[in-house]
């Protein structure tokens, strides 16, 4: 540990709850950063695409028998 690091006022576990909620980290390639500059734009695109993927997946698996 470097001497210039000062943890004297650190609070243990302050981010533990947020970490426990979970999150997915995705790296966006540089060639699409102009289209997806932030997480909001990525989520918007994924929400628009999700119904198409769900429909395709249901069509592939067919009706479920109960």
C-alpha atoms as a PDB file:
ATOM      1  CA  UNK A   1       0.000   0.000   0.000  1.00  0.00           C
ATOM      2  CA  UNK A   2       1.371   3.416  -0.882  1.00  0.00           C
ATOM      3  CA  UNK A   3       1.922   5.902   1.947  1.00  0.00           C
ATOM      4  CA  UNK A   4      -0.245   8.551   0.231  1.00  0.00           C
ATOM      5  CA  UNK A   5      -3.348   6.331   0.497  1.00  0.00           C
ATOM      6  CA  UNK A   6      -5.418   7.513   3.437  1.00  0.00           C
ATOM      7  CA  UNK A   7      -8.207   5.208   4.560  1.00  0.00           C
ATOM      8  CA  UNK A   8      -8.551   6.746   8.018  1.00  0.00           C
ATOM      9  CA  UNK A   9     -12.109   7.962   7.275  1.00  0.00           C
ATOM     10  CA  UNK A  10     -13.189   4.981   5.205  1.00  0.00           C
ATOM     11  CA  UNK A  11     -16.463   3.259   6.036  1.00  0.00           C
ATOM     12  CA  UNK A  12     -16.471  -0.505   5.755  1.00  0.00           C
ATOM     13  CA  UNK A  13     -19.278  -2.032   3.675  1.00  0.00           C
ATOM     14  CA  UNK A  14     -20.685   1.273   2.425  1.00  0.00           C
ATOM     15  CA  UNK A  15     -21.159  -0.129  -1.094  1.00  0.00           C
ATOM     16  CA  UNK A  16     -21.946  -3.715  -0.078  1.00  0.00           C
ATOM     17  CA  UNK A  17     -25.722  -3.378  -0.549  1.00  0.00           C
ATOM     18  CA  UNK A  18     -25.327  -1.978  -4.048  1.00  0.00           C
ATOM     19  CA  UNK A  19     -22.864  -4.734  -4.898  1.00  0.00           C
ATOM     20  CA  UNK A  20     -25.216  -7.395  -3.517  1.00  0.00           C
ATOM     21  CA  UNK A  21     -27.982  -6.182  -5.853  1.00  0.00           C
ATOM     22  CA  UNK A  22     -25.778  -7.295  -8.683  1.00  0.00           C
ATOM     23  CA  UNK A  23     -24.945  -5.680 -11.934  1.00  0.00           C
ATOM     24  CA  UNK A  24     -23.744  -6.785 -15.319  1.00  0.00           C
ATOM     25  CA  UNK A  25     -20.801  -4.974 -16.768  1.00  0.00           C
ATOM     26  CA  UNK A  26     -20.569  -4.982 -20.537  1.00  0.00           C
ATOM     27  CA  UNK A  27     -17.778  -3.429 -22.549  1.00  0.00           C
ATOM     28  CA  UNK A  28     -19.003  -1.549 -25.588  1.00  0.00           C
ATOM     29  CA  UNK A  29     -16.635  -1.687 -28.522  1.00  0.00           C
ATOM     30  CA  UNK A  30     -15.173   1.600 -29.761  1.00  0.00           C
ATOM     31  CA  UNK A  31     -16.806   1.349 -33.185  1.00  0.00           C
ATOM     32  CA  UNK A  32     -20.327   1.648 -31.679  1.00  0.00           C
ATOM     33  CA  UNK A  33     -19.658   4.254 -29.000  1.00  0.00           C
ATOM     34  CA  UNK A  34     -21.140   6.953 -31.206  1.00  0.00           C
ATOM     35  CA  UNK A  35     -24.464   5.064 -31.121  1.00  0.00           C
ATOM     36  CA  UNK A  36     -24.262   3.869 -27.500  1.00  0.00           C
ATOM     37  CA  UNK A  37     -22.452   6.574 -25.510  1.00  0.00           C
ATOM     38  CA  UNK A  38     -23.951   5.599 -22.145  1.00  0.00           C
ATOM     39  CA  UNK A  39     -25.857   2.888 -20.309  1.00  0.00           C
ATOM     40  CA  UNK A  40     -29.211   4.549 -20.974  1.00  0.00           C
ATOM     41  CA  UNK A  41     -28.776   4.273 -24.736  1.00  0.00           C
ATOM     42  CA  UNK A  42     -27.675   0.634 -24.466  1.00  0.00           C
ATOM     43  CA  UNK A  43     -30.671  -0.238 -22.270  1.00  0.00           C
ATOM     44  CA  UNK A  44     -33.059   1.561 -24.623  1.00  0.00           C
ATOM     45  CA  UNK A  45     -31.773  -0.444 -27.588  1.00  0.00           C
ATOM     46  CA  UNK A  46     -31.877  -3.725 -25.688  1.00  0.00           C
ATOM     47  CA  UNK A  47     -35.449  -3.089 -24.515  1.00  0.00           C
ATOM     48  CA  UNK A  48     -36.487  -2.452 -28.115  1.00  0.00           C
ATOM     49  CA  UNK A  49     -34.763  -5.641 -29.278  1.00  0.00           C
ATOM     50  CA  UNK A  50     -35.850  -7.887 -26.403  1.00  0.00           C
ATOM     51  CA  UNK A  51     -39.401  -8.626 -27.699  1.00  0.00           C
ATOM     52  CA  UNK A  52     -37.978  -9.756 -31.051  1.00  0.00           C
ATOM     53  CA  UNK A  53     -35.506 -12.103 -29.366  1.00  0.00           C
ATOM     54  CA  UNK A  54     -38.137 -13.451 -26.972  1.00  0.00           C
ATOM     55  CA  UNK A  55     -40.513 -14.126 -29.865  1.00  0.00           C
ATOM     56  CA  UNK A  56     -37.752 -15.869 -31.824  1.00  0.00           C
ATOM     57  CA  UNK A  57     -36.804 -18.002 -28.836  1.00  0.00           C
ATOM     58  CA  UNK A  58     -40.428 -19.053 -28.292  1.00  0.00           C
ATOM     59  CA  UNK A  59     -40.737 -19.974 -31.964  1.00  0.00           C
ATOM     60  CA  UNK A  60     -37.610 -22.136 -31.742  1.00  0.00           C
ATOM     61  CA  UNK A  61     -38.693 -24.025 -28.646  1.00  0.00           C
ATOM     62  CA  UNK A  62     -42.307 -24.395 -29.712  1.00  0.00           C
ATOM     63  CA  UNK A  63     -45.279 -24.600 -27.394  1.00  0.00           C
ATOM     64  CA  UNK A  64     -44.577 -26.063 -23.989  1.00  0.00           C
ATOM     65  CA  UNK A  65     -46.528 -29.122 -23.031  1.00  0.00           C
ATOM     66  CA  UNK A  66     -47.850 -29.225 -19.495  1.00  0.00           C
END
